C-alpha atoms as a PDB file:
ATOM      1  CA  MET A   1       0.000   0.034  -0.001  1.00  0.00           C
ATOM      2  CA  LYS A   2       2.906   2.347   0.720  1.00  0.00           C
ATOM      3  CA  ASN A   3       3.837   2.182  -2.959  1.00  0.00           C
ATOM      4  CA  LEU A   4       0.691   4.248  -3.668  1.00  0.00           C
ATOM      5  CA  LYS A   5       1.725   7.203  -1.544  1.00  0.00           C
ATOM      6  CA  TRP A   6       3.384   9.154  -4.380  1.00  0.00           C
ATOM      7  CA  PRO A   7       0.587   8.620  -6.964  1.00  0.00           C
ATOM      8  CA  ILE A   8      -1.977   9.669  -4.369  1.00  0.00           C
ATOM      9  CA  LEU A   9       0.116  12.694  -3.427  1.00  0.00           C
ATOM     10  CA  ILE A  10       0.405  13.885  -7.031  1.00  0.00           C
ATOM     11  CA  VAL A  11      -3.275  13.331  -7.915  1.00  0.00           C
ATOM     12  CA  LEU A  12      -4.420  15.127  -4.782  1.00  0.00           C
ATOM     13  CA  SER A  13      -2.078  18.042  -5.512  1.00  0.00           C
ATOM     14  CA  LEU A  14      -3.517  18.408  -8.995  1.00  0.00           C
ATOM     15  CA  ILE A  15      -7.092  18.236  -7.809  1.00  0.00           C
ATOM     16  CA  TRP A  16      -6.663  20.599  -4.849  1.00  0.00           C
ATOM     17  CA  GLY A  17      -4.477  22.942  -6.890  1.00  0.00           C
ATOM     18  CA  SER A  18      -7.449  23.333  -9.227  1.00  0.00           C
ATOM     19  CA  SER A  19      -9.948  23.879  -6.429  1.00  0.00           C
ATOM     20  CA  PHE A  20      -9.130  27.607  -6.109  1.00  0.00           C
ATOM     21  CA  VAL A  21     -10.195  28.386  -9.649  1.00  0.00           C
ATOM     22  CA  LEU A  22     -13.287  26.187  -9.179  1.00  0.00           C
ATOM     23  CA  MET A  23     -14.277  28.350  -6.177  1.00  0.00           C
ATOM     24  CA  LYS A  24     -13.805  31.417  -8.378  1.00  0.00           C
ATOM     25  CA  ARG A  25     -16.065  29.937 -11.032  1.00  0.00           C
ATOM     26  CA  GLY A  26     -18.709  29.073  -8.462  1.00  0.00           C
ATOM     27  CA  MET A  27     -18.769  32.685  -7.261  1.00  0.00           C
ATOM     28  CA  GLU A  28     -19.615  33.962 -10.748  1.00  0.00           C
ATOM     29  CA  ALA A  29     -23.252  33.335  -9.740  1.00  0.00           C
ATOM     30  CA  PHE A  30     -23.367  32.520  -5.975  1.00  0.00           C
ATOM     31  CA  SER A  31     -22.000  34.271  -2.942  1.00  0.00           C
ATOM     32  CA  SER A  32     -18.860  33.044  -1.240  1.00  0.00           C
ATOM     33  CA  ASP A  33     -20.828  31.528   1.662  1.00  0.00           C
ATOM     34  CA  GLN A  34     -23.226  29.804  -0.737  1.00  0.00           C
ATOM     35  CA  VAL A  35     -20.324  28.203  -2.676  1.00  0.00           C
ATOM     36  CA  ALA A  36     -18.782  27.008   0.561  1.00  0.00           C
ATOM     37  CA  ALA A  37     -22.040  25.575   1.821  1.00  0.00           C
ATOM     38  CA  MET A  38     -22.718  23.881  -1.563  1.00  0.00           C
ATOM     39  CA  ARG A  39     -19.230  22.419  -1.522  1.00  0.00           C
ATOM     40  CA  ILE A  40     -19.794  20.749   1.850  1.00  0.00           C
ATOM     41  CA  GLY A  41     -23.475  19.961   1.136  1.00  0.00           C
ATOM     42  CA  LEU A  42     -22.825  18.261  -2.189  1.00  0.00           C
ATOM     43  CA  ALA A  43     -19.979  16.202  -0.681  1.00  0.00           C
ATOM     44  CA  TYR A  44     -22.339  15.167   2.088  1.00  0.00           C
ATOM     45  CA  VAL A  45     -25.109  14.123  -0.352  1.00  0.00           C
ATOM     46  CA  PHE A  46     -22.594  12.210  -2.456  1.00  0.00           C
ATOM     47  CA  LEU A  47     -21.325  10.312   0.593  1.00  0.00           C
ATOM     48  CA  LEU A  48     -24.774   9.472   2.018  1.00  0.00           C
ATOM     49  CA  PRO A  49     -25.134   6.146   0.076  1.00  0.00           C
ATOM     50  CA  PHE A  50     -21.791   4.999   1.538  1.00  0.00           C
ATOM     51  CA  LEU A  51     -23.471   5.081   4.969  1.00  0.00           C
ATOM     52  CA  ILE A  52     -25.305   1.908   4.034  1.00  0.00           C
ATOM     53  CA  LYS A  53     -22.027  -0.034   4.074  1.00  0.00           C
ATOM     54  CA  TYR A  54     -20.128   2.000   6.635  1.00  0.00           C
ATOM     55  CA  TYR A  55     -22.842   2.706   9.211  1.00  0.00           C
ATOM     56  CA  ARG A  56     -21.195   0.580  11.914  1.00  0.00           C
ATOM     57  CA  ILE A  57     -18.906   2.693  14.018  1.00  0.00           C
ATOM     58  CA  ASP A  58     -17.986   3.182  17.719  1.00  0.00           C
ATOM     59  CA  LEU A  59     -19.099   6.790  18.022  1.00  0.00           C
ATOM     60  CA  LYS A  60     -18.315   6.823  21.735  1.00  0.00           C
ATOM     61  CA  LYS A  61     -14.643   6.270  20.788  1.00  0.00           C
ATOM     62  CA  TYR A  62     -14.427   8.334  17.571  1.00  0.00           C
ATOM     63  CA  TRP A  63     -16.963  11.128  17.682  1.00  0.00           C
ATOM     64  CA  LYS A  64     -14.561  13.828  18.889  1.00  0.00           C
ATOM     65  CA  GLY A  65     -12.005  12.950  16.168  1.00  0.00           C
ATOM     66  CA  LEU A  66     -14.679  12.805  13.473  1.00  0.00           C
ATOM     67  CA  LEU A  67     -16.156  16.120  14.588  1.00  0.00           C
ATOM     68  CA  GLY A  68     -12.717  17.711  14.598  1.00  0.00           C
ATOM     69  CA  MET A  69     -11.908  16.332  11.168  1.00  0.00           C
ATOM     70  CA  GLY A  70     -15.202  17.565   9.735  1.00  0.00           C
ATOM     71  CA  VAL A  71     -15.140  21.012  11.269  1.00  0.00           C
ATOM     72  CA  PHE A  72     -11.393  21.855  10.909  1.00  0.00           C
ATOM     73  CA  GLY A  73     -10.668  19.810   7.797  1.00  0.00           C
ATOM     74  CA  ASN A  74     -13.651  20.801   5.754  1.00  0.00           C
ATOM     75  CA  LEU A  75     -16.372  23.087   7.082  1.00  0.00           C
ATOM     76  CA  ILE A  76     -14.431  26.089   8.389  1.00  0.00           C
ATOM     77  CA  PRO A  77     -11.746  26.132   5.610  1.00  0.00           C
ATOM     78  CA  ALA A  78     -14.452  25.982   2.917  1.00  0.00           C
ATOM     79  CA  PHE A  79     -15.910  29.257   4.140  1.00  0.00           C
ATOM     80  CA  LEU A  80     -12.566  30.883   4.821  1.00  0.00           C
ATOM     81  CA  PHE A  81     -11.212  30.141   1.329  1.00  0.00           C
ATOM     82  CA  THR A  82     -14.240  31.361  -0.631  1.00  0.00           C
ATOM     83  CA  LYS A  83     -14.413  34.549   1.487  1.00  0.00           C
ATOM     84  CA  ALA A  84     -10.671  35.106   0.927  1.00  0.00           C
ATOM     85  CA  GLU A  85     -11.087  34.852  -2.826  1.00  0.00           C
ATOM     86  CA  THR A  86     -13.489  37.770  -2.828  1.00  0.00           C
ATOM     87  CA  GLY A  87     -10.390  39.920  -2.002  1.00  0.00           C
ATOM     88  CA  ILE A  88      -7.379  38.096  -3.396  1.00  0.00           C
ATOM     89  CA  SER A  89      -6.676  36.015  -6.512  1.00  0.00           C
ATOM     90  CA  SER A  90      -7.123  32.263  -6.668  1.00  0.00           C
ATOM     91  CA  SER A  91      -3.392  31.862  -7.398  1.00  0.00           C
ATOM     92  CA  LEU A  92      -2.369  33.789  -4.261  1.00  0.00           C
ATOM     93  CA  ALA A  93      -4.738  31.657  -2.214  1.00  0.00           C
ATOM     94  CA  GLY A  94      -3.041  28.554  -3.632  1.00  0.00           C
ATOM     95  CA  MET A  95       0.430  29.938  -2.767  1.00  0.00           C
ATOM     96  CA  LEU A  96      -0.532  30.638   0.818  1.00  0.00           C
ATOM     97  CA  ASN A  97      -2.001  27.185   1.145  1.00  0.00           C
ATOM     98  CA  ALA A  98       1.610  25.932   1.268  1.00  0.00           C
ATOM     99  CA  LEU A  99       1.736  26.986   4.924  1.00  0.00           C
ATOM    100  CA  THR A 100      -0.189  23.883   5.953  1.00  0.00           C
ATOM    101  CA  PRO A 101       2.866  21.602   6.617  1.00  0.00           C
ATOM    102  CA  ILE A 102       4.463  24.329   8.732  1.00  0.00           C
ATOM    103  CA  PHE A 103       1.405  24.636  10.989  1.00  0.00           C
ATOM    104  CA  THR A 104       1.173  20.848  11.047  1.00  0.00           C
ATOM    105  CA  VAL A 105       4.628  20.611  12.629  1.00  0.00           C
ATOM    106  CA  ILE A 106       3.978  23.437  15.094  1.00  0.00           C
ATOM    107  CA  LEU A 107       0.610  22.132  16.321  1.00  0.00           C
ATOM    108  CA  GLY A 108       1.905  18.548  16.372  1.00  0.00           C
ATOM    109  CA  PHE A 109       4.729  19.643  18.700  1.00  0.00           C
ATOM    110  CA  LEU A 110       2.602  21.893  20.930  1.00  0.00           C
ATOM    111  CA  PHE A 111      -0.557  19.874  21.329  1.00  0.00           C
ATOM    112  CA  PHE A 112      -0.107  16.332  19.959  1.00  0.00           C
ATOM    113  CA  SER A 113       3.160  15.305  21.590  1.00  0.00           C
ATOM    114  CA  ASN A 114       5.050  15.017  18.289  1.00  0.00           C
ATOM    115  CA  LYS A 115       8.795  15.381  18.403  1.00  0.00           C
ATOM    116  CA  THR A 116      10.585  18.021  16.436  1.00  0.00           C
ATOM    117  CA  ASN A 117      14.238  18.713  15.439  1.00  0.00           C
ATOM    118  CA  GLY A 118      16.541  21.498  14.254  1.00  0.00           C
ATOM    119  CA  PHE A 119      15.616  21.023  10.610  1.00  0.00           C
ATOM    120  CA  GLN A 120      11.967  21.510  11.363  1.00  0.00           C
ATOM    121  CA  VAL A 121      12.589  24.619  13.493  1.00  0.00           C
ATOM    122  CA  SER A 122      14.732  26.094  10.693  1.00  0.00           C
ATOM    123  CA  GLY A 123      12.000  25.246   8.145  1.00  0.00           C
ATOM    124  CA  ILE A 124       9.361  26.901  10.280  1.00  0.00           C
ATOM    125  CA  VAL A 125      11.327  30.131  10.607  1.00  0.00           C
ATOM    126  CA  THR A 126      12.090  30.173   6.865  1.00  0.00           C
ATOM    127  CA  GLY A 127       8.487  29.406   5.983  1.00  0.00           C
ATOM    128  CA  PHE A 128       7.091  32.271   8.027  1.00  0.00           C
ATOM    129  CA  GLY A 129       9.619  34.580   6.374  1.00  0.00           C
ATOM    130  CA  GLY A 130       8.246  33.581   3.001  1.00  0.00           C
ATOM    131  CA  ALA A 131       4.680  33.973   4.250  1.00  0.00           C
ATOM    132  CA  LEU A 132       5.392  37.515   5.459  1.00  0.00           C
ATOM    133  CA  LEU A 133       6.864  38.361   2.077  1.00  0.00           C
ATOM    134  CA  LEU A 134       3.784  36.986   0.418  1.00  0.00           C
ATOM    135  CA  LEU A 135       1.392  38.751   2.736  1.00  0.00           C
ATOM    136  CA  TYR A 136       3.021  42.170   2.609  1.00  0.00           C
ATOM    137  CA  ASN A 137       4.140  42.221  -0.947  1.00  0.00           C
ATOM    138  CA  GLY A 138       3.754  45.833  -2.119  1.00  0.00           C
ATOM    139  CA  GLY A 139       3.453  46.947  -5.675  1.00  0.00           C
ATOM    140  CA  ASP A 140       0.209  45.179  -6.372  1.00  0.00           C
ATOM    141  CA  ALA A 141      -3.118  46.516  -5.062  1.00  0.00           C
ATOM    142  CA  GLU A 142      -4.569  42.997  -5.039  1.00  0.00           C
ATOM    143  CA  THR A 143      -2.004  41.531  -2.704  1.00  0.00           C
ATOM    144  CA  SER A 144      -2.387  44.516  -0.295  1.00  0.00           C
ATOM    145  CA  SER A 145      -5.646  42.905   0.853  1.00  0.00           C
ATOM    146  CA  THR A 146      -3.905  41.407   3.831  1.00  0.00           C
ATOM    147  CA  LYS A 147      -7.090  40.683   5.745  1.00  0.00           C
ATOM    148  CA  TYR A 148      -8.285  38.363   2.955  1.00  0.00           C
ATOM    149  CA  ALA A 149      -4.868  36.668   2.742  1.00  0.00           C
ATOM    150  CA  LEU A 150      -5.012  36.078   6.521  1.00  0.00           C
ATOM    151  CA  LEU A 151      -8.225  34.155   6.007  1.00  0.00           C
ATOM    152  CA  VAL A 152      -6.240  31.655   3.947  1.00  0.00           C
ATOM    153  CA  VAL A 153      -3.638  31.480   6.685  1.00  0.00           C
ATOM    154  CA  ALA A 154      -6.420  30.721   9.155  1.00  0.00           C
ATOM    155  CA  ALA A 155      -7.696  27.973   6.822  1.00  0.00           C
ATOM    156  CA  THR A 156      -4.230  26.327   6.645  1.00  0.00           C
ATOM    157  CA  LEU A 157      -4.125  26.415  10.450  1.00  0.00           C
ATOM    158  CA  CYS A 158      -7.470  24.537  10.447  1.00  0.00           C
ATOM    159  CA  TYR A 159      -6.079  21.979   7.972  1.00  0.00           C
ATOM    160  CA  ALA A 160      -3.079  21.417  10.218  1.00  0.00           C
ATOM    161  CA  ILE A 161      -5.371  20.781  13.210  1.00  0.00           C
ATOM    162  CA  SER A 162      -7.330  18.294  11.167  1.00  0.00           C
ATOM    163  CA  VAL A 163      -4.212  16.443   9.919  1.00  0.00           C
ATOM    164  CA  ASN A 164      -2.963  15.967  13.475  1.00  0.00           C
ATOM    165  CA  ILE A 165      -6.431  14.890  14.697  1.00  0.00           C
ATOM    166  CA  ILE A 166      -6.681  12.269  11.959  1.00  0.00           C
ATOM    167  CA  ARG A 167      -3.219  10.912  12.662  1.00  0.00           C
ATOM    168  CA  LYS A 168      -3.714  10.726  16.436  1.00  0.00           C
ATOM    169  CA  TYR A 169      -7.360   9.841  16.918  1.00  0.00           C
ATOM    170  CA  LEU A 170      -8.567   8.227  13.682  1.00  0.00           C
ATOM    171  CA  ASN A 171      -5.523   6.321  12.513  1.00  0.00           C
ATOM    172  CA  ASP A 172      -7.114   2.916  13.097  1.00  0.00           C
ATOM    173  CA  LEU A 173     -10.392   3.860  11.371  1.00  0.00           C
ATOM    174  CA  ASN A 174     -11.097   2.994   7.719  1.00  0.00           C
ATOM    175  CA  SER A 175     -10.590   6.095   5.503  1.00  0.00           C
ATOM    176  CA  ILE A 176     -13.988   5.929   3.827  1.00  0.00           C
ATOM    177  CA  ARG A 177     -15.790   5.283   7.099  1.00  0.00           C
ATOM    178  CA  ALA A 178     -14.041   8.231   8.733  1.00  0.00           C
ATOM    179  CA  THR A 179     -14.834  10.581   5.844  1.00  0.00           C
ATOM    180  CA  VAL A 180     -18.471   9.526   5.619  1.00  0.00           C
ATOM    181  CA  TRP A 181     -19.053  10.031   9.308  1.00  0.00           C
ATOM    182  CA  ALA A 182     -17.148  13.321   9.440  1.00  0.00           C
ATOM    183  CA  PHE A 183     -19.501  14.712   6.812  1.00  0.00           C
ATOM    184  CA  MET A 184     -22.510  13.318   8.738  1.00  0.00           C
ATOM    185  CA  PHE A 185     -21.581  15.908  11.387  1.00  0.00           C
ATOM    186  CA  THR A 186     -20.938  18.905   9.127  1.00  0.00           C
ATOM    187  CA  GLY A 187     -23.048  18.201   6.025  1.00  0.00           C
ATOM    188  CA  PRO A 188     -26.454  18.873   7.548  1.00  0.00           C
ATOM    189  CA  ILE A 189     -25.219  22.178   8.962  1.00  0.00           C
ATOM    190  CA  ALA A 190     -24.086  23.275   5.485  1.00  0.00           C
ATOM    191  CA  VAL A 191     -27.302  22.191   3.800  1.00  0.00           C
ATOM    192  CA  VAL A 192     -29.538  23.971   6.323  1.00  0.00           C
ATOM    193  CA  TYR A 193     -27.432  27.122   6.029  1.00  0.00           C
ATOM    194  CA  LEU A 194     -27.503  27.003   2.213  1.00  0.00           C
ATOM    195  CA  PHE A 195     -31.278  26.887   2.026  1.00  0.00           C
ATOM    196  CA  SER A 196     -31.601  29.681   4.571  1.00  0.00           C
ATOM    197  CA  THR A 197     -30.029  31.995   1.952  1.00  0.00           C
ATOM    198  CA  ASN A 198     -31.415  33.143  -1.413  1.00  0.00           C
ATOM    199  CA  PHE A 199     -29.804  30.126  -3.076  1.00  0.00           C
ATOM    200  CA  MET A 200     -32.918  28.945  -4.864  1.00  0.00           C
ATOM    201  CA  ASP A 201     -33.661  32.446  -6.188  1.00  0.00           C
ATOM    202  CA  VAL A 202     -30.124  32.726  -7.601  1.00  0.00           C
ATOM    203  CA  LEU A 203     -30.334  29.222  -9.075  1.00  0.00           C
ATOM    204  CA  ASN A 204     -33.617  30.015 -10.826  1.00  0.00           C
ATOM    205  CA  HIS A 205     -32.733  33.471 -12.164  1.00  0.00           C
ATOM    206  CA  HIS A 206     -29.002  33.996 -12.547  1.00  0.00           C
ATOM    207  CA  PRO A 207     -27.849  33.322 -16.139  1.00  0.00           C
ATOM    208  CA  GLN A 208     -24.614  31.606 -14.998  1.00  0.00           C
ATOM    209  CA  ALA A 209     -26.194  29.635 -12.113  1.00  0.00           C
ATOM    210  CA  LEU A 210     -26.110  26.209 -13.768  1.00  0.00           C
ATOM    211  CA  SER A 211     -22.489  26.463 -14.873  1.00  0.00           C
ATOM    212  CA  ALA A 212     -21.476  27.764 -11.390  1.00  0.00           C
ATOM    213  CA  LEU A 213     -23.365  24.916  -9.839  1.00  0.00           C
ATOM    214  CA  GLY A 214     -21.522  22.463 -12.065  1.00  0.00           C
ATOM    215  CA  TYR A 215     -18.113  23.826 -11.115  1.00  0.00           C
ATOM    216  CA  THR A 216     -19.096  23.715  -7.417  1.00  0.00           C
ATOM    217  CA  ALA A 217     -20.330  20.149  -7.813  1.00  0.00           C
ATOM    218  CA  ILE A 218     -16.862  19.125  -9.096  1.00  0.00           C
ATOM    219  CA  LEU A 219     -15.347  21.008  -6.199  1.00  0.00           C
ATOM    220  CA  GLY A 220     -17.620  19.254  -3.678  1.00  0.00           C
ATOM    221  CA  ILE A 221     -17.584  15.710  -5.036  1.00  0.00           C
ATOM    222  CA  VAL A 222     -14.089  15.361  -6.514  1.00  0.00           C
ATOM    223  CA  GLY A 223     -12.217  18.076  -4.690  1.00  0.00           C
ATOM    224  CA  THR A 224     -13.765  17.355  -1.284  1.00  0.00           C
ATOM    225  CA  ALA A 225     -15.496  13.972  -0.798  1.00  0.00           C
ATOM    226  CA  LEU A 226     -13.288  11.720  -2.874  1.00  0.00           C
ATOM    227  CA  SER A 227     -10.136  13.682  -2.088  1.00  0.00           C
ATOM    228  CA  VAL A 228     -10.656  13.615   1.666  1.00  0.00           C
ATOM    229  CA  ILE A 229     -10.990   9.830   1.509  1.00  0.00           C
ATOM    230  CA  ALA A 230      -7.691   9.633  -0.406  1.00  0.00           C
ATOM    231  CA  PHE A 231      -6.042  12.140   1.924  1.00  0.00           C
ATOM    232  CA  ASN A 232      -7.012  10.196   5.020  1.00  0.00           C
ATOM    233  CA  GLU A 233      -5.525   7.078   3.454  1.00  0.00           C
ATOM    234  CA  LEU A 234      -2.373   8.999   2.600  1.00  0.00           C
ATOM    235  CA  ILE A 235      -1.971  10.157   6.233  1.00  0.00           C
ATOM    236  CA  LYS A 236      -2.253   6.569   7.459  1.00  0.00           C
ATOM    237  CA  ILE A 237       0.246   5.061   5.051  1.00  0.00           C
ATOM    238  CA  SER A 238       2.796   7.852   5.030  1.00  0.00           C
ATOM    239  CA  GLY A 239       2.324  10.049   8.124  1.00  0.00           C
ATOM    240  CA  ALA A 240       0.949  13.537   8.761  1.00  0.00           C
ATOM    241  CA  ILE A 241       4.027  15.440   7.566  1.00  0.00           C
ATOM    242  CA  PHE A 242       4.360  13.613   4.252  1.00  0.00           C
ATOM    243  CA  ALA A 243       0.611  13.900   3.575  1.00  0.00           C
ATOM    244  CA  SER A 244       0.610  17.642   4.196  1.00  0.00           C
ATOM    245  CA  THR A 245       3.317  18.079   1.568  1.00  0.00           C
ATOM    246  CA  THR A 246       0.660  17.864  -1.145  1.00  0.00           C
ATOM    247  CA  THR A 247       1.293  21.594  -0.875  1.00  0.00           C
ATOM    248  CA  TYR A 248       4.499  21.214  -2.891  1.00  0.00           C
ATOM    249  CA  LEU A 249       2.452  20.934  -6.052  1.00  0.00           C
ATOM    250  CA  ILE A 250      -0.768  22.674  -5.073  1.00  0.00           C
ATOM    251  CA  PRO A 251       0.701  26.223  -5.437  1.00  0.00           C
ATOM    252  CA  ILE A 252       2.268  25.353  -8.807  1.00  0.00           C
ATOM    253  CA  VAL A 253      -1.048  24.050 -10.116  1.00  0.00           C
ATOM    254  CA  ALA A 254      -2.802  27.147  -8.684  1.00  0.00           C
ATOM    255  CA  VAL A 255      -0.297  29.452 -10.371  1.00  0.00           C
ATOM    256  CA  PHE A 256      -0.848  27.662 -13.681  1.00  0.00           C
ATOM    257  CA  TRP A 257      -4.582  28.274 -13.402  1.00  0.00           C
ATOM    258  CA  GLY A 258      -3.931  31.863 -12.345  1.00  0.00           C
ATOM    259  CA  LEU A 259      -1.875  32.510 -15.469  1.00  0.00           C
ATOM    260  CA  ARG A 260      -4.552  30.921 -17.590  1.00  0.00           C
ATOM    261  CA  GLU A 261      -7.124  33.202 -15.905  1.00  0.00           C
ATOM    262  CA  LYS A 262      -4.860  36.194 -16.588  1.00  0.00           C
ATOM    263  CA  GLU A 263      -4.496  36.943 -12.900  1.00  0.00           C
ATOM    264  CA  THR A 264      -1.640  39.205 -11.804  1.00  0.00           C
ATOM    265  CA  ILE A 265       1.297  37.142 -10.460  1.00  0.00           C
ATOM    266  CA  THR A 266       4.413  39.033  -9.509  1.00  0.00           C
ATOM    267  CA  TRP A 267       7.981  37.720  -9.278  1.00  0.00           C
ATOM    268  CA  THR A 268       7.964  38.652  -5.565  1.00  0.00           C
ATOM    269  CA  GLN A 269       5.008  36.282  -5.087  1.00  0.00           C
ATOM    270  CA  VAL A 270       6.807  33.511  -6.913  1.00  0.00           C
ATOM    271  CA  LEU A 271       9.926  34.105  -4.842  1.00  0.00           C
ATOM    272  CA  ALA A 272       7.941  34.022  -1.617  1.00  0.00           C
ATOM    273  CA  MET A 273       6.202  30.810  -2.706  1.00  0.00           C
ATOM    274  CA  CYS A 274       9.569  29.189  -3.455  1.00  0.00           C
ATOM    275  CA  VAL A 275      10.837  30.202   0.018  1.00  0.00           C
ATOM    276  CA  ILE A 276       7.784  28.589   1.643  1.00  0.00           C
ATOM    277  CA  LEU A 277       8.157  25.414  -0.408  1.00  0.00           C
ATOM    278  CA  GLY A 278      11.859  25.381   0.412  1.00  0.00           C
ATOM    279  CA  SER A 279      10.997  25.544   4.109  1.00  0.00           C
ATOM    280  CA  VAL A 280       8.687  22.565   3.704  1.00  0.00           C
ATOM    281  CA  TRP A 281      11.567  20.664   2.142  1.00  0.00           C
ATOM    282  CA  ILE A 282      13.764  21.559   5.090  1.00  0.00           C
ATOM    283  CA  ILE A 283      11.083  20.376   7.518  1.00  0.00           C
ATOM    284  CA  ASN A 284      11.020  17.010   5.749  1.00  0.00           C
ATOM    285  CA  LEU A 285      14.787  16.523   5.945  1.00  0.00           C
ATOM    286  CA  LYS A 286      14.086  14.440   9.051  1.00  0.00           C
ATOM    287  CA  LYS A 287      12.462  11.811   6.864  1.00  0.00           C
ATOM    288  CA  ARG A 288      15.434  11.701   4.484  1.00  0.00           C
ATOM    289  CA  THR A 289      18.055  11.472   7.199  1.00  0.00           C
END
């Protein structure tokens, strides 16, 4: 099974690297909150039939881990990312997403009893230097929207919490079962919220509603439901740090889509992204040594 870790890593990076532009497409008709709620809601509806096979679970043992995975790994980041993309480009959101492994190490050390070493400390310091460069890059009005960029930083912090929760509390639970039950906690919340908005009115009257719904469906089913199953499996077979390094390729894919969308991408942003990715490489030197 461990031979699959690299193929899973690459496929996930390509899928999640494309998710930022899918959010952008969804918001051509719907609000940021509606796209986020649809993303979680559609993933939930897609996973419901799996409950027939995976309904047996010891909720007394796993409910806290499943709730943490659902809330921090999916629900909160979905809303943070779409809101962020109302003020920054999809490519910049993808670049900042590379902070996930750095927060994974920090939180793992502080709250999950994970050991750390000099390489990881050096990587953390370097990574935050790159993040500051990315956050405070002058010369482009778009990237001066620091408050929106910080929403992405908050989302990566949530992802890091989820990665550590999965590794520590759900490691012996089947990946599909864990994903299905995590969405059983968060999916209904998203669906109820979605239909409390003017979602149906937009769907019936906005000229781009159907295409936006299609893009969001891809985001929810492929980019969320199926990908979370694969990601949980990746964590189990390779560890939390290796799994979080999907962020090596995610920013590159996001930048590719940004260029295709004719978004403004500066050399300072590219340099900052390379610094962050370099810091992730330093963090993972422990694995190589």
